[in-house]
Amino acid sequence: MTFNDMGVISPILKALQEEGYTQPTPIQEQAIPVILSQNDILGCAQTGTGKTAAFAIPILQLLQAQKDAGDTNTGIKVLILTPTRELAIQIGESFVAYGRHLKLKHAVIFGGVSQFHQVEALRKGIDIVIATPGRLLDLMNQRFVHLNSLTTFVLDEADRMLDMGFVMDVKRIITKLPVRRQTLFFSATMPPIIQQLANSILSNPVMVKVSPVSSTANTIDQKVYFVDKDDKKKLLVHLLQDKSIASALVFTRTKHGANKIAEHLTKSGFDTQAIHGNKSQNARQQALQNFKNGKNRVLVATDIAARGIDIDELSHVINFELPNIPETYVHRIGRTGRAGFSGKAYSFCDMEEKMFLRDIHKVIGKTLPVEKEHPYAMPEVTPIITTYVKAPSQQFRGKKRRF
């Protein structure tokens, strides 16, 4: 099936061709016809599957159809709610790309910057608003945002909203939406609380699912390195000396840790910057741009960037610290192995993180292969964890765990 077969209109087809898109991805093939039919969607798709285009393309087409039918309403017709400013900007760029031959207006709204330009854009009349919850609520409370004309609501990365503590903000926003609307609900994972939220806002939704919940892409080669906590920086430097690592996104759990690692790598001769919530919006965007254009080979990030970085040819993701939420592992490594490219994901695991690794194995449904051939290996850890993951009920039933 092609985009033309799905009835995508010629201005959008032209834009897709200019972007180099020829065949729809599975999520696009399933979702676009459903959205064009104006049905609600419950979409479960891992990151990197082309989800943004799956809802952006039909939304643009439906809005254009309203314009062609003589609709002169200047109110906001589409609201896309997303957890991070990076992801909001990325979605905004997608709407620019796919809608470049249409006369539709959009605004991207997020905190951490002055609201002046965002308010000015809203005052001129906007068709599509892409927003993070906090700033949107602020502008709604100031009466700069009115949603009474809304026809379509998109909740993107719903599980990430939960992880970041935004669920209550999302619920407050939902109470301000028109009851009659089309709702598109997307989440990479579907824990019970997210399923409950979906059930409360969707009306007879069509389920769109392109991969098992919390699975990792087959295009990603994954390895775990058992290493003492004090040797992690040394191991990272050792790995980065390999020139085949063209670009590396390094994840930490804390902002302070991200800064420390970036400083250490810079002193070790690697072009590196850090990105996290304490950085100004301009600094974060500049760091992302330097990484995307190859000026910096390494970007160190906290999980705020786990779903906001879209680089087709990112060669490596390195988990300097394992996430304490196992689903976050899926989101982190999903930054590589995208758009048909292959990628590699290396994870460092010290003694304190072995339980995190066990939980990751459970969520992704497989055991990560262990890389033993490195100068800082901890061989005594490997057999214990590997044996436990492969046969927990048989190996440890009724026995005291040794770790």
Protein backbone atom coordinates (compact mmCIF):
# COMPACT_ATOMS: atom_id res chain seq x y z
CA MET A 1 0.00 0.00 0.00
CA THR A 2 1.21 3.53 -0.81
CA PHE A 3 0.21 6.92 0.58
CA ASN A 4 -1.67 7.49 -2.66
CA ASP A 5 -3.63 4.26 -2.14
CA MET A 6 -4.78 5.60 1.24
CA GLY A 7 -6.28 8.67 -0.39
CA VAL A 8 -3.72 11.20 0.82
CA ILE A 9 -4.26 14.47 -1.07
CA SER A 10 -1.76 15.71 -3.63
CA PRO A 11 -0.26 18.65 -1.65
CA ILE A 12 0.67 16.30 1.19
CA LEU A 13 1.86 13.61 -1.25
CA LYS A 14 4.17 16.17 -2.80
CA ALA A 15 5.57 17.11 0.61
CA LEU A 16 6.11 13.44 1.50
CA GLN A 17 7.99 12.88 -1.75
CA GLU A 18 10.17 15.89 -0.98
CA GLU A 19 10.90 14.37 2.42
CA GLY A 20 11.90 11.09 0.75
CA TYR A 21 8.93 9.10 2.06
CA THR A 22 7.79 6.43 -0.38
CA GLN A 23 6.13 3.64 1.62
CA PRO A 24 4.08 4.09 4.81
CA THR A 25 5.27 2.33 7.95
CA PRO A 26 2.94 -0.24 9.57
CA ILE A 27 1.60 2.27 12.10
CA GLN A 28 0.93 4.76 9.30
CA GLU A 29 -0.73 2.15 7.14
CA GLN A 30 -3.09 1.23 9.97
CA ALA A 31 -3.74 4.63 11.52
CA ILE A 32 -4.13 7.04 8.58
CA PRO A 33 -7.34 5.49 7.12
CA VAL A 34 -8.89 5.25 10.60
CA ILE A 35 -8.16 8.90 11.40
CA LEU A 36 -9.39 10.04 7.99
CA SER A 37 -12.65 8.22 8.83
CA GLN A 38 -12.77 10.40 11.97
CA ASN A 39 -12.72 7.47 14.41
CA ASP A 40 -10.97 7.54 17.78
CA ILE A 41 -7.69 5.63 18.01
CA LEU A 42 -5.91 3.78 20.80
CA GLY A 43 -2.40 3.38 19.44
CA CYS A 44 0.32 1.30 21.04
CA ALA A 45 3.55 1.71 19.12
CA GLN A 46 7.18 1.78 20.17
CA THR A 47 9.24 4.86 19.48
CA GLY A 48 10.76 5.21 16.02
CA THR A 49 7.83 3.63 14.15
CA GLY A 50 6.69 6.77 12.32
CA LYS A 51 3.90 7.56 14.76
CA THR A 52 4.05 11.34 14.35
CA ALA A 53 3.41 11.12 10.61
CA ALA A 54 0.64 8.60 11.32
CA PHE A 55 -1.45 11.31 12.97
CA ALA A 56 0.01 14.46 11.39
CA ILE A 57 -0.79 13.49 7.78
CA PRO A 58 -4.51 12.75 8.27
CA ILE A 59 -4.98 15.72 10.64
CA LEU A 60 -3.60 18.08 7.98
CA GLN A 61 -5.85 16.49 5.37
CA LEU A 62 -9.00 16.79 7.50
CA LEU A 63 -8.23 20.43 8.32
CA GLN A 64 -7.64 21.23 4.67
CA ALA A 65 -10.97 19.63 3.80
CA GLN A 66 -12.66 21.93 6.32
CA LYS A 67 -10.97 24.95 4.73
CA ASP A 68 -11.98 23.85 1.24
CA ALA A 69 -15.58 23.48 2.45
CA GLY A 70 -15.61 27.15 3.40
CA ASP A 71 -14.88 26.96 7.14
CA THR A 72 -13.80 30.44 8.30
CA ASN A 73 -13.54 29.65 12.03
CA THR A 74 -10.21 30.98 13.31
CA GLY A 75 -10.33 29.03 16.60
CA ILE A 76 -7.99 26.20 17.57
CA LYS A 77 -9.20 23.02 15.90
CA VAL A 78 -6.46 20.56 16.87
CA LEU A 79 -4.62 20.17 20.18
CA ILE A 80 -1.63 17.83 20.42
CA LEU A 81 -0.45 17.31 23.99
CA THR A 82 3.05 15.95 24.50
CA PRO A 83 5.30 15.58 27.58
CA THR A 84 8.50 17.44 26.64
CA ARG A 85 9.43 20.61 24.82
CA GLU A 86 11.87 18.68 22.62
CA LEU A 87 9.11 16.37 21.43
CA ALA A 88 6.75 19.33 20.93
CA ILE A 89 9.32 21.02 18.72
CA GLN A 90 9.92 17.80 16.80
CA ILE A 91 6.19 17.36 16.16
CA GLY A 92 5.97 20.99 15.07
CA GLU A 93 8.76 20.41 12.56
CA SER A 94 6.84 17.43 11.18
CA PHE A 95 3.72 19.54 10.64
CA VAL A 96 5.83 22.13 8.84
CA ALA A 97 7.32 19.43 6.60
CA TYR A 98 4.11 17.60 5.70
CA GLY A 99 1.98 20.74 5.46
CA ARG A 100 4.35 22.98 3.54
CA HIS A 101 1.99 23.14 0.55
CA LEU A 102 -1.07 23.89 2.67
CA LYS A 103 -2.17 27.18 4.23
CA LEU A 104 -2.62 25.91 7.77
CA LYS A 105 -1.15 27.56 10.84
CA HIS A 106 0.30 25.93 13.92
CA ALA A 107 1.99 27.02 17.14
CA VAL A 108 4.30 25.14 19.49
CA ILE A 109 3.78 26.02 23.15
CA PHE A 110 6.10 25.02 26.00
CA GLY A 111 7.59 26.43 29.17
CA GLY A 112 11.11 27.58 29.98
CA VAL A 113 10.95 30.52 27.56
CA SER A 114 9.04 33.78 27.37
CA GLN A 115 5.39 33.33 26.45
CA PHE A 116 5.37 36.54 24.37
CA HIS A 117 5.86 35.02 20.92
CA GLN A 118 3.54 32.11 21.74
CA VAL A 119 0.77 34.52 22.76
CA GLU A 120 1.32 36.61 19.63
CA ALA A 121 0.94 33.53 17.44
CA LEU A 122 -2.27 32.56 19.23
CA ARG A 123 -3.74 36.04 18.77
CA LYS A 124 -3.26 35.84 15.00
CA GLY A 125 -5.35 32.67 14.75
CA ILE A 126 -4.02 29.13 14.89
CA ASP A 127 -5.40 25.86 13.49
CA ILE A 128 -3.09 23.47 15.37
CA VAL A 129 -1.55 23.82 18.83
CA ILE A 130 1.25 21.48 19.93
CA ALA A 131 1.84 21.93 23.64
CA THR A 132 3.30 20.65 26.87
CA PRO A 133 0.78 20.50 29.74
CA GLY A 134 2.21 23.10 32.13
CA ARG A 135 2.52 26.03 29.74
CA LEU A 136 -0.80 25.20 28.09
CA LEU A 137 -2.59 25.35 31.45
CA ASP A 138 -0.87 28.66 32.21
CA LEU A 139 -2.10 30.19 28.96
CA MET A 140 -5.57 28.72 29.43
CA ASN A 141 -5.76 30.28 32.90
CA GLN A 142 -4.69 33.62 31.38
CA ARG A 143 -7.45 33.20 28.76
CA PHE A 144 -5.03 33.22 25.83
CA VAL A 145 -6.07 29.68 24.82
CA HIS A 146 -9.70 28.80 24.06
CA LEU A 147 -10.60 25.24 23.07
CA ASN A 148 -14.32 25.56 22.35
CA SER A 149 -13.72 25.12 18.57
CA LEU A 150 -11.62 21.98 19.00
CA THR A 151 -12.43 19.00 16.76
CA THR A 152 -9.38 16.78 17.33
CA PHE A 153 -7.35 16.01 20.47
CA VAL A 154 -4.10 14.02 20.35
CA LEU A 155 -2.52 12.70 23.53
CA ASP A 156 0.97 11.61 22.56
CA GLU A 157 3.40 9.57 24.69
CA ALA A 158 0.77 9.05 27.39
CA ASP A 159 2.96 6.74 29.45
CA ARG A 160 5.71 9.34 29.49
CA MET A 161 3.16 11.83 30.84
CA LEU A 162 2.69 9.41 33.73
CA ASP A 163 6.44 9.00 34.28
CA MET A 164 6.91 12.79 34.44
CA GLY A 165 3.97 13.40 36.79
CA PHE A 166 1.74 15.19 34.27
CA VAL A 167 -1.34 12.98 34.49
CA MET A 168 -3.30 15.40 36.72
CA ASP A 169 -2.47 18.31 34.39
CA VAL A 170 -3.66 16.22 31.45
CA LYS A 171 -6.93 15.45 33.22
CA ARG A 172 -7.48 19.16 33.96
CA ILE A 173 -7.00 20.00 30.30
CA ILE A 174 -9.36 17.22 29.19
CA THR A 175 -12.16 18.72 31.30
CA LYS A 176 -11.94 21.88 29.15
CA LEU A 177 -12.32 20.06 25.81
CA PRO A 178 -15.57 19.78 23.86
CA VAL A 179 -17.32 16.47 24.52
CA ARG A 180 -17.82 15.88 20.79
CA ARG A 181 -14.37 15.49 19.32
CA GLN A 182 -12.04 12.97 17.74
CA THR A 183 -9.43 11.67 20.19
CA LEU A 184 -6.17 10.02 19.19
CA PHE A 185 -4.38 8.34 22.11
CA PHE A 186 -0.82 7.07 21.67
CA SER A 187 1.45 5.33 24.15
CA ALA A 188 4.56 3.20 23.76
CA THR A 189 3.52 1.10 26.76
CA MET A 190 0.12 0.44 28.29
CA PRO A 191 0.31 0.10 32.10
CA PRO A 192 -3.07 -0.16 33.90
CA ILE A 193 -3.30 3.54 34.84
CA ILE A 194 -2.75 4.56 31.22
CA GLN A 195 -5.35 2.05 30.04
CA GLN A 196 -7.81 3.56 32.53
CA LEU A 197 -7.11 7.06 31.22
CA ALA A 198 -7.63 5.86 27.66
CA ASN A 199 -10.93 4.24 28.56
CA SER A 200 -12.15 7.48 30.14
CA ILE A 201 -11.56 9.72 27.11
CA LEU A 202 -12.02 7.49 24.05
CA SER A 203 -15.28 6.63 22.31
CA ASN A 204 -15.38 3.25 20.54
CA PRO A 205 -11.70 3.49 19.59
CA VAL A 206 -9.96 1.45 16.92
CA MET A 207 -6.94 -0.33 18.40
CA VAL A 208 -3.74 0.19 16.42
CA LYS A 209 -0.81 -1.93 17.55
CA VAL A 210 2.31 -2.58 15.54
CA SER A 211 4.56 -4.35 18.03
CA PRO A 212 4.38 -6.08 21.41
CA VAL A 213 4.11 -3.76 24.40
CA SER A 214 7.56 -2.65 25.61
CA SER A 215 9.43 -4.50 22.87
CA THR A 216 12.68 -3.21 21.44
CA ALA A 217 13.31 -2.80 17.73
CA ASN A 218 15.07 -5.65 15.92
CA THR A 219 17.33 -3.09 14.24
CA ILE A 220 19.13 -2.44 17.55
CA ASP A 221 22.09 -4.57 18.66
CA GLN A 222 21.99 -4.57 22.49
CA LYS A 223 24.73 -5.44 25.00
CA VAL A 224 25.26 -5.09 28.73
CA TYR A 225 28.64 -4.32 30.33
CA PHE A 226 29.08 -5.35 33.96
CA VAL A 227 31.37 -2.75 35.47
CA ASP A 228 32.17 -1.31 38.86
CA LYS A 229 30.54 2.07 39.47
CA ASP A 230 33.92 3.78 39.88
CA ASP A 231 35.11 2.41 36.51
CA LYS A 232 32.16 3.58 34.41
CA LYS A 233 33.81 6.79 33.20
CA LYS A 234 36.93 4.86 32.23
CA LEU A 235 34.86 2.32 30.31
CA LEU A 236 32.97 5.10 28.52
CA VAL A 237 36.21 6.74 27.40
CA HIS A 238 37.54 3.33 26.33
CA LEU A 239 34.47 2.66 24.17
CA LEU A 240 34.44 6.13 22.60
CA GLN A 241 38.00 5.63 21.39
CA ASP A 242 36.45 3.29 18.83
CA LYS A 243 35.99 5.45 15.72
CA SER A 244 33.10 3.26 14.54
CA ILE A 245 30.99 5.04 17.16
CA ALA A 246 30.07 7.90 14.86
CA SER A 247 27.62 9.46 17.32
CA ALA A 248 26.69 8.52 20.86
CA LEU A 249 23.76 9.58 23.01
CA VAL A 250 24.73 8.85 26.64
CA PHE A 251 21.96 8.59 29.24
CA THR A 252 22.22 9.31 32.95
CA ARG A 253 19.59 9.38 35.69
CA THR A 254 20.46 12.82 37.11
CA LYS A 255 21.20 16.32 35.82
CA HIS A 256 24.31 16.56 38.01
CA GLY A 257 25.57 13.26 36.62
CA ALA A 258 25.04 14.44 33.06
CA ASN A 259 27.14 17.55 33.70
CA LYS A 260 29.92 15.55 35.36
CA ILE A 261 30.14 13.04 32.52
CA ALA A 262 30.11 15.75 29.85
CA GLU A 263 32.92 17.59 31.65
CA HIS A 264 34.96 14.37 31.95
CA LEU A 265 34.54 13.51 28.27
CA THR A 266 35.44 17.03 27.20
CA LYS A 267 38.65 16.85 29.26
CA SER A 268 39.32 13.46 27.64
CA GLY A 269 39.25 15.04 24.18
CA PHE A 270 35.70 14.29 23.00
CA ASP A 271 33.39 17.00 21.67
CA THR A 272 30.55 16.72 24.17
CA GLN A 273 27.62 18.69 25.55
CA ALA A 274 24.95 17.88 28.14
CA ILE A 275 21.19 18.39 27.90
CA HIS A 276 18.76 18.32 30.83
CA GLY A 277 15.97 20.24 32.52
CA ASN A 278 18.20 22.82 34.20
CA LYS A 279 19.55 24.03 30.87
CA SER A 280 17.82 27.00 29.27
CA GLN A 281 15.68 26.29 26.23
CA ASN A 282 18.17 28.03 23.95
CA ALA A 283 21.07 26.04 25.40
CA ARG A 284 19.19 22.78 24.95
CA GLN A 285 18.27 23.55 21.37
CA GLN A 286 21.84 24.57 20.58
CA ALA A 287 23.19 21.35 22.10
CA LEU A 288 20.72 19.30 20.05
CA GLN A 289 21.63 21.16 16.89
CA ASN A 290 25.37 20.69 17.48
CA PHE A 291 24.76 16.97 17.95
CA LYS A 292 22.51 16.62 14.91
CA ASN A 293 24.90 18.41 12.56
CA GLY A 294 27.91 16.43 13.79
CA LYS A 295 29.72 19.28 15.50
CA ASN A 296 29.60 17.26 18.71
CA ARG A 297 30.10 13.51 18.58
CA VAL A 298 28.61 12.89 22.05
CA LEU A 299 25.49 14.20 23.78
CA VAL A 300 24.89 13.37 27.44
CA ALA A 301 21.23 13.50 28.43
CA THR A 302 18.77 12.78 31.18
CA ASP A 303 15.50 11.05 30.33
CA ILE A 304 13.88 14.35 29.42
CA ALA A 305 15.48 13.77 26.00
CA ALA A 306 14.54 10.09 25.72
CA ARG A 307 11.71 10.81 23.29
CA GLY A 308 12.59 14.25 22.04
CA ILE A 309 15.63 13.49 19.89
CA ASP A 310 14.92 12.38 16.35
CA ILE A 311 18.13 11.55 14.47
CA ASP A 312 17.78 8.93 11.76
CA GLU A 313 21.44 7.91 11.72
CA LEU A 314 22.31 7.97 15.43
CA SER A 315 24.77 5.09 15.69
CA HIS A 316 24.91 4.40 19.44
CA VAL A 317 22.96 4.83 22.64
CA ILE A 318 24.92 4.25 25.84
CA ASN A 319 23.15 3.82 29.16
CA PHE A 320 25.82 5.07 31.55
CA GLU A 321 23.29 4.36 34.29
CA LEU A 322 20.38 1.97 33.95
CA PRO A 323 16.93 3.53 34.37
CA ASN A 324 14.97 2.56 37.47
CA ILE A 325 11.78 2.39 35.37
CA PRO A 326 12.25 -0.53 32.95
CA GLU A 327 10.01 0.91 30.20
CA THR A 328 12.36 3.90 30.06
CA TYR A 329 15.04 1.56 28.71
CA VAL A 330 12.85 0.95 25.64
CA HIS A 331 12.41 4.68 25.07
CA ARG A 332 16.11 5.42 25.53
CA ILE A 333 17.46 2.87 23.09
CA GLY A 334 14.67 3.70 20.65
CA ARG A 335 16.64 6.83 19.74
CA THR A 336 18.83 4.59 17.55
CA GLY A 337 17.86 2.00 14.94
CA ARG A 338 15.30 4.36 13.38
CA ALA A 339 14.00 4.97 9.85
CA GLY A 340 15.43 1.71 8.53
CA PHE A 341 18.93 2.22 9.97
CA SER A 342 20.61 -0.15 12.39
CA GLY A 343 21.98 0.94 15.75
CA LYS A 344 23.76 -0.26 18.87
CA ALA A 345 22.76 0.11 22.52
CA TYR A 346 25.33 -0.45 25.26
CA SER A 347 24.26 -0.55 28.92
CA PHE A 348 26.58 -0.28 31.93
CA CYS A 349 25.45 -2.22 34.99
CA ASP A 350 27.10 -2.05 38.42
CA MET A 351 26.23 -4.11 41.49
CA GLU A 352 23.60 -1.62 42.69
CA GLU A 353 21.78 -1.73 39.35
CA LYS A 354 21.39 -5.48 38.96
CA MET A 355 17.73 -5.35 40.04
CA PHE A 356 17.05 -2.69 37.41
CA LEU A 357 18.53 -5.02 34.80
CA ARG A 358 16.35 -7.88 35.96
CA ASP A 359 13.26 -5.68 35.56
CA ILE A 360 14.38 -4.59 32.07
CA HIS A 361 14.77 -8.24 31.05
CA LYS A 362 11.22 -8.94 32.21
CA VAL A 363 9.77 -5.98 30.29
CA ILE A 364 11.54 -6.59 26.98
CA GLY A 365 11.06 -10.35 27.20
CA LYS A 366 14.67 -11.35 26.68
CA THR A 367 18.08 -11.38 28.33
CA LEU A 368 20.64 -8.86 27.11
CA PRO A 369 23.87 -10.47 25.89
CA VAL A 370 26.86 -9.73 28.11
CA GLU A 371 30.02 -8.16 26.67
CA LYS A 372 32.86 -9.74 28.66
CA GLU A 373 35.78 -8.56 26.54
CA HIS A 374 36.50 -5.16 28.04
CA PRO A 375 39.21 -3.99 30.47
CA TYR A 376 36.84 -3.24 33.37
CA ALA A 377 34.72 -6.39 33.33
CA MET A 378 33.23 -7.84 36.53
CA PRO A 379 32.97 -11.55 35.60
CA GLU A 380 31.67 -12.62 38.99
CA VAL A 381 28.36 -10.79 38.39
CA THR A 382 27.54 -12.28 35.01
CA PRO A 383 26.56 -15.89 35.84
CA ILE A 384 24.42 -14.90 38.82
CA ILE A 385 22.19 -12.46 36.92
CA THR A 386 22.04 -14.47 33.72
CA THR A 387 21.00 -17.64 35.58
CA TYR A 388 18.34 -15.76 37.59
CA VAL A 389 16.73 -14.19 34.53
CA LYS A 390 16.61 -17.39 32.51
CA ALA A 391 14.98 -19.54 35.19
CA PRO A 392 13.85 -17.54 38.23
CA SER A 393 11.24 -19.98 39.46
CA GLN A 394 13.49 -23.06 39.30
CA GLN A 395 16.83 -21.64 40.39
CA PHE A 396 15.70 -19.62 43.42
CA ARG A 397 12.44 -21.16 44.60
CA GLY A 398 12.62 -21.46 48.37
CA LYS A 399 16.22 -20.26 48.46
CA LYS A 400 17.78 -17.08 49.74
CA ARG A 401 18.95 -14.86 46.89
CA ARG A 402 22.70 -14.32 46.80
CA PHE A 403 22.60 -10.70 45.59
